[in-house]
Amino acid sequence: MRCPKCQGLMYSEMFCDFIRIFIGWKCLNCGEVLDPVIVSNRRKSNSIQTAL
């Protein structure tokens, strides 16, 4: 998988917060982190911006 920010290589990593443990993607170059919630929120944000 390629990073949408810098086109660097992304790898899967396990993250945890106070409630759950989840798998996300982290870029080796820039440190960008993606998980299903981040991707969903960005899609919603982009669709709202294009509608305006």
PDB file of N, CA and C in Angstrom:
ATOM      1  N   MET A   1       0.844  -1.173   0.000  1.00  0.00           N
ATOM      2  CA  MET A   1       0.000   0.000   0.000  1.00  0.00           C
ATOM      3  C   MET A   1       0.887   1.233   0.000  1.00  0.00           C
ATOM      4  N   ARG A   2       0.480   2.233  -0.743  1.00  0.00           N
ATOM      5  CA  ARG A   2       1.227   3.485  -0.832  1.00  0.00           C
ATOM      6  C   ARG A   2       0.546   4.577  -0.021  1.00  0.00           C
ATOM      7  N   CYS A   3       1.334   5.422   0.584  1.00  0.00           N
ATOM      8  CA  CYS A   3       0.831   6.529   1.384  1.00  0.00           C
ATOM      9  C   CYS A   3       0.178   7.569   0.476  1.00  0.00           C
ATOM     10  N   PRO A   4      -1.036   8.011   0.799  1.00  0.00           N
ATOM     11  CA  PRO A   4      -1.677   9.032  -0.025  1.00  0.00           C
ATOM     12  C   PRO A   4      -1.021  10.409   0.114  1.00  0.00           C
ATOM     13  N   LYS A   5      -0.242  10.590   1.152  1.00  0.00           N
ATOM     14  CA  LYS A   5       0.403  11.878   1.416  1.00  0.00           C
ATOM     15  C   LYS A   5       1.736  12.015   0.683  1.00  0.00           C
ATOM     16  N   CYS A   6       2.607  10.982   0.795  1.00  0.00           N
ATOM     17  CA  CYS A   6       3.962  11.092   0.235  1.00  0.00           C
ATOM     18  C   CYS A   6       4.317   9.967  -0.736  1.00  0.00           C
ATOM     19  N   GLN A   7       3.396   9.035  -0.965  1.00  0.00           N
ATOM     20  CA  GLN A   7       3.601   7.874  -1.833  1.00  0.00           C
ATOM     21  C   GLN A   7       4.626   6.882  -1.284  1.00  0.00           C
ATOM     22  N   GLY A   8       4.943   6.981   0.005  1.00  0.00           N
ATOM     23  CA  GLY A   8       5.871   6.058   0.646  1.00  0.00           C
ATOM     24  C   GLY A   8       5.195   4.725   0.964  1.00  0.00           C
ATOM     25  N   LEU A   9       5.984   3.788   1.419  1.00  0.00           N
ATOM     26  CA  LEU A   9       5.490   2.463   1.761  1.00  0.00           C
ATOM     27  C   LEU A   9       4.779   2.492   3.109  1.00  0.00           C
ATOM     28  N   MET A  10       3.603   1.857   3.173  1.00  0.00           N
ATOM     29  CA  MET A  10       2.850   1.763   4.417  1.00  0.00           C
ATOM     30  C   MET A  10       2.861   0.320   4.904  1.00  0.00           C
ATOM     31  N   TYR A  11       2.849   0.144   6.205  1.00  0.00           N
ATOM     32  CA  TYR A  11       2.812  -1.187   6.804  1.00  0.00           C
ATOM     33  C   TYR A  11       1.707  -1.217   7.859  1.00  0.00           C
ATOM     34  N   SER A  12       1.202  -2.409   8.138  1.00  0.00           N
ATOM     35  CA  SER A  12       0.136  -2.520   9.137  1.00  0.00           C
ATOM     36  C   SER A  12       0.757  -2.528  10.530  1.00  0.00           C
ATOM     37  N   GLU A  13       0.043  -1.910  11.451  1.00  0.00           N
ATOM     38  CA  GLU A  13       0.506  -1.819  12.822  1.00  0.00           C
ATOM     39  C   GLU A  13      -0.708  -1.892  13.755  1.00  0.00           C
ATOM     40  N   MET A  14      -0.518  -2.436  14.933  1.00  0.00           N
ATOM     41  CA  MET A  14      -1.587  -2.513  15.912  1.00  0.00           C
ATOM     42  C   MET A  14      -1.538  -1.274  16.800  1.00  0.00           C
ATOM     43  N   PHE A  15      -2.681  -0.617  16.940  1.00  0.00           N
ATOM     44  CA  PHE A  15      -2.805   0.566  17.773  1.00  0.00           C
ATOM     45  C   PHE A  15      -3.814   0.276  18.872  1.00  0.00           C
ATOM     46  N   CYS A  16      -3.751   1.015  19.956  1.00  0.00           N
ATOM     47  CA  CYS A  16      -4.772   0.874  20.994  1.00  0.00           C
ATOM     48  C   CYS A  16      -5.087   2.255  21.560  1.00  0.00           C
ATOM     49  N   ASP A  17      -6.362   2.396  21.940  1.00  0.00           N
ATOM     50  CA  ASP A  17      -6.779   3.590  22.658  1.00  0.00           C
ATOM     51  C   ASP A  17      -7.369   3.136  23.984  1.00  0.00           C
ATOM     52  N   PHE A  18      -8.139   3.947  24.634  1.00  0.00           N
ATOM     53  CA  PHE A  18      -8.668   3.586  25.945  1.00  0.00           C
ATOM     54  C   PHE A  18      -9.758   2.523  25.865  1.00  0.00           C
ATOM     55  N   ILE A  19     -10.336   2.327  24.685  1.00  0.00           N
ATOM     56  CA  ILE A  19     -11.479   1.437  24.544  1.00  0.00           C
ATOM     57  C   ILE A  19     -11.151   0.161  23.787  1.00  0.00           C
ATOM     58  N   ARG A  20     -10.348   0.252  22.734  1.00  0.00           N
ATOM     59  CA  ARG A  20     -10.174  -0.899  21.857  1.00  0.00           C
ATOM     60  C   ARG A  20      -8.768  -0.986  21.286  1.00  0.00           C
ATOM     61  N   ILE A  21      -8.488  -2.112  20.694  1.00  0.00           N
ATOM     62  CA  ILE A  21      -7.256  -2.342  19.944  1.00  0.00           C
ATOM     63  C   ILE A  21      -7.662  -2.486  18.480  1.00  0.00           C
ATOM     64  N   PHE A  22      -6.935  -1.830  17.577  1.00  0.00           N
ATOM     65  CA  PHE A  22      -7.293  -1.882  16.168  1.00  0.00           C
ATOM     66  C   PHE A  22      -6.049  -1.892  15.299  1.00  0.00           C
ATOM     67  N   ILE A  23      -6.237  -2.318  14.067  1.00  0.00           N
ATOM     68  CA  ILE A  23      -5.152  -2.371  13.091  1.00  0.00           C
ATOM     69  C   ILE A  23      -5.264  -1.165  12.169  1.00  0.00           C
ATOM     70  N   GLY A  24      -4.164  -0.512  11.920  1.00  0.00           N
ATOM     71  CA  GLY A  24      -4.112   0.613  11.010  1.00  0.00           C
ATOM     72  C   GLY A  24      -2.884   0.500  10.127  1.00  0.00           C
ATOM     73  N   TRP A  25      -2.718   1.473   9.261  1.00  0.00           N
ATOM     74  CA  TRP A  25      -1.574   1.535   8.357  1.00  0.00           C
ATOM     75  C   TRP A  25      -0.735   2.744   8.715  1.00  0.00           C
ATOM     76  N   LYS A  26       0.591   2.570   8.733  1.00  0.00           N
ATOM     77  CA  LYS A  26       1.514   3.663   9.056  1.00  0.00           C
ATOM     78  C   LYS A  26       2.572   3.767   7.972  1.00  0.00           C
ATOM     79  N   CYS A  27       2.873   4.991   7.569  1.00  0.00           N
ATOM     80  CA  CYS A  27       3.862   5.232   6.514  1.00  0.00           C
ATOM     81  C   CYS A  27       5.276   5.230   7.100  1.00  0.00           C
ATOM     82  N   LEU A  28       6.169   4.545   6.417  1.00  0.00           N
ATOM     83  CA  LEU A  28       7.569   4.521   6.853  1.00  0.00           C
ATOM     84  C   LEU A  28       8.248   5.870   6.672  1.00  0.00           C
ATOM     85  N   ASN A  29       7.833   6.646   5.666  1.00  0.00           N
ATOM     86  CA  ASN A  29       8.498   7.920   5.373  1.00  0.00           C
ATOM     87  C   ASN A  29       8.008   9.077   6.232  1.00  0.00           C
ATOM     88  N   CYS A  30       6.695   9.345   6.179  1.00  0.00           N
ATOM     89  CA  CYS A  30       6.183  10.556   6.821  1.00  0.00           C
ATOM     90  C   CYS A  30       5.432  10.294   8.120  1.00  0.00           C
ATOM     91  N   GLY A  31       5.116   9.036   8.439  1.00  0.00           N
ATOM     92  CA  GLY A  31       4.427   8.723   9.674  1.00  0.00           C
ATOM     93  C   GLY A  31       2.916   8.832   9.605  1.00  0.00           C
ATOM     94  N   GLU A  32       2.356   9.086   8.428  1.00  0.00           N
ATOM     95  CA  GLU A  32       0.905   9.148   8.245  1.00  0.00           C
ATOM     96  C   GLU A  32       0.263   7.865   8.760  1.00  0.00           C
ATOM     97  N   VAL A  33      -0.820   7.984   9.526  1.00  0.00           N
ATOM     98  CA  VAL A  33      -1.544   6.826  10.055  1.00  0.00           C
ATOM     99  C   VAL A  33      -2.944   6.815   9.463  1.00  0.00           C
ATOM    100  N   LEU A  34      -3.369   5.668   8.969  1.00  0.00           N
ATOM    101  CA  LEU A  34      -4.712   5.491   8.434  1.00  0.00           C
ATOM    102  C   LEU A  34      -5.352   4.270   9.069  1.00  0.00           C
ATOM    103  N   ASP A  35      -6.630   4.393   9.363  1.00  0.00           N
ATOM    104  CA  ASP A  35      -7.441   3.257   9.792  1.00  0.00           C
ATOM    105  C   ASP A  35      -8.818   3.449   9.163  1.00  0.00           C
ATOM    106  N   PRO A  36      -9.724   2.492   9.284  1.00  0.00           N
ATOM    107  CA  PRO A  36     -11.025   2.628   8.629  1.00  0.00           C
ATOM    108  C   PRO A  36     -11.809   3.878   9.045  1.00  0.00           C
ATOM    109  N   VAL A  37     -11.705   4.301  10.292  1.00  0.00           N
ATOM    110  CA  VAL A  37     -12.426   5.492  10.749  1.00  0.00           C
ATOM    111  C   VAL A  37     -11.851   6.753  10.102  1.00  0.00           C
ATOM    112  N   ILE A  38     -10.540   6.868  10.035  1.00  0.00           N
ATOM    113  CA  ILE A  38      -9.898   8.027   9.411  1.00  0.00           C
ATOM    114  C   ILE A  38     -10.285   8.103   7.947  1.00  0.00           C
ATOM    115  N   VAL A  39     -10.222   6.989   7.240  1.00  0.00           N
ATOM    116  CA  VAL A  39     -10.555   6.969   5.813  1.00  0.00           C
ATOM    117  C   VAL A  39     -12.017   7.374   5.604  1.00  0.00           C
ATOM    118  N   SER A  40     -12.924   6.844   6.421  1.00  0.00           N
ATOM    119  CA  SER A  40     -14.342   7.179   6.309  1.00  0.00           C
ATOM    120  C   SER A  40     -14.581   8.661   6.561  1.00  0.00           C
ATOM    121  N   ASN A  41     -13.966   9.217   7.589  1.00  0.00           N
ATOM    122  CA  ASN A  41     -14.139  10.635   7.892  1.00  0.00           C
ATOM    123  C   ASN A  41     -13.583  11.525   6.788  1.00  0.00           C
ATOM    124  N   ARG A  42     -12.473  11.149   6.196  1.00  0.00           N
ATOM    125  CA  ARG A  42     -11.912  11.945   5.098  1.00  0.00           C
ATOM    126  C   ARG A  42     -12.809  11.896   3.867  1.00  0.00           C
ATOM    127  N   ARG A  43     -13.397  10.740   3.582  1.00  0.00           N
ATOM    128  CA  ARG A  43     -14.329  10.645   2.456  1.00  0.00           C
ATOM    129  C   ARG A  43     -15.538  11.538   2.677  1.00  0.00           C
ATOM    130  N   LYS A  44     -16.084  11.533   3.895  1.00  0.00           N
ATOM    131  CA  LYS A  44     -17.224  12.394   4.213  1.00  0.00           C
ATOM    132  C   LYS A  44     -16.850  13.858   4.072  1.00  0.00           C
ATOM    133  N   SER A  45     -15.683  14.221   4.592  1.00  0.00           N
ATOM    134  CA  SER A  45     -15.212  15.602   4.511  1.00  0.00           C
ATOM    135  C   SER A  45     -15.031  16.046   3.067  1.00  0.00           C
ATOM    136  N   ASN A  46     -14.447  15.186   2.240  1.00  0.00           N
ATOM    137  CA  ASN A  46     -14.234  15.510   0.833  1.00  0.00           C
ATOM    138  C   ASN A  46     -15.555  15.656   0.089  1.00  0.00           C
ATOM    139  N   SER A  47     -16.540  14.824   0.386  1.00  0.00           N
ATOM    140  CA  SER A  47     -17.818  14.906  -0.296  1.00  0.00           C
ATOM    141  C   SER A  47     -18.567  16.184   0.108  1.00  0.00           C
ATOM    142  N   ILE A  48     -18.414  16.612   1.359  1.00  0.00           N
ATOM    143  CA  ILE A  48     -19.045  17.865   1.802  1.00  0.00           C
ATOM    144  C   ILE A  48     -18.388  19.049   1.116  1.00  0.00           C
ATOM    145  N   GLN A  49     -17.067  19.048   1.010  1.00  0.00           N
ATOM    146  CA  GLN A  49     -16.354  20.157   0.386  1.00  0.00           C
ATOM    147  C   GLN A  49     -16.677  20.265  -1.095  1.00  0.00           C
ATOM    148  N   THR A  50     -16.815  19.162  -1.794  1.00  0.00           N
ATOM    149  CA  THR A  50     -17.134  19.210  -3.218  1.00  0.00           C
ATOM    150  C   THR A  50     -18.582  19.641  -3.451  1.00  0.00           C
ATOM    151  N   ALA A  51     -19.467  19.406  -2.474  1.00  0.00           N
ATOM    152  CA  ALA A  51     -20.861  19.822  -2.604  1.00  0.00           C
ATOM    153  C   ALA A  51     -21.013  21.331  -2.443  1.00  0.00           C
ATOM    154  N   LEU A  52     -20.089  21.953  -1.728  1.00  0.00           N
ATOM    155  CA  LEU A  52     -20.162  23.398  -1.519  1.00  0.00           C
ATOM    156  C   LEU A  52     -19.663  24.058  -2.754  1.00  0.00           C
TER     157      LEU A  52
END
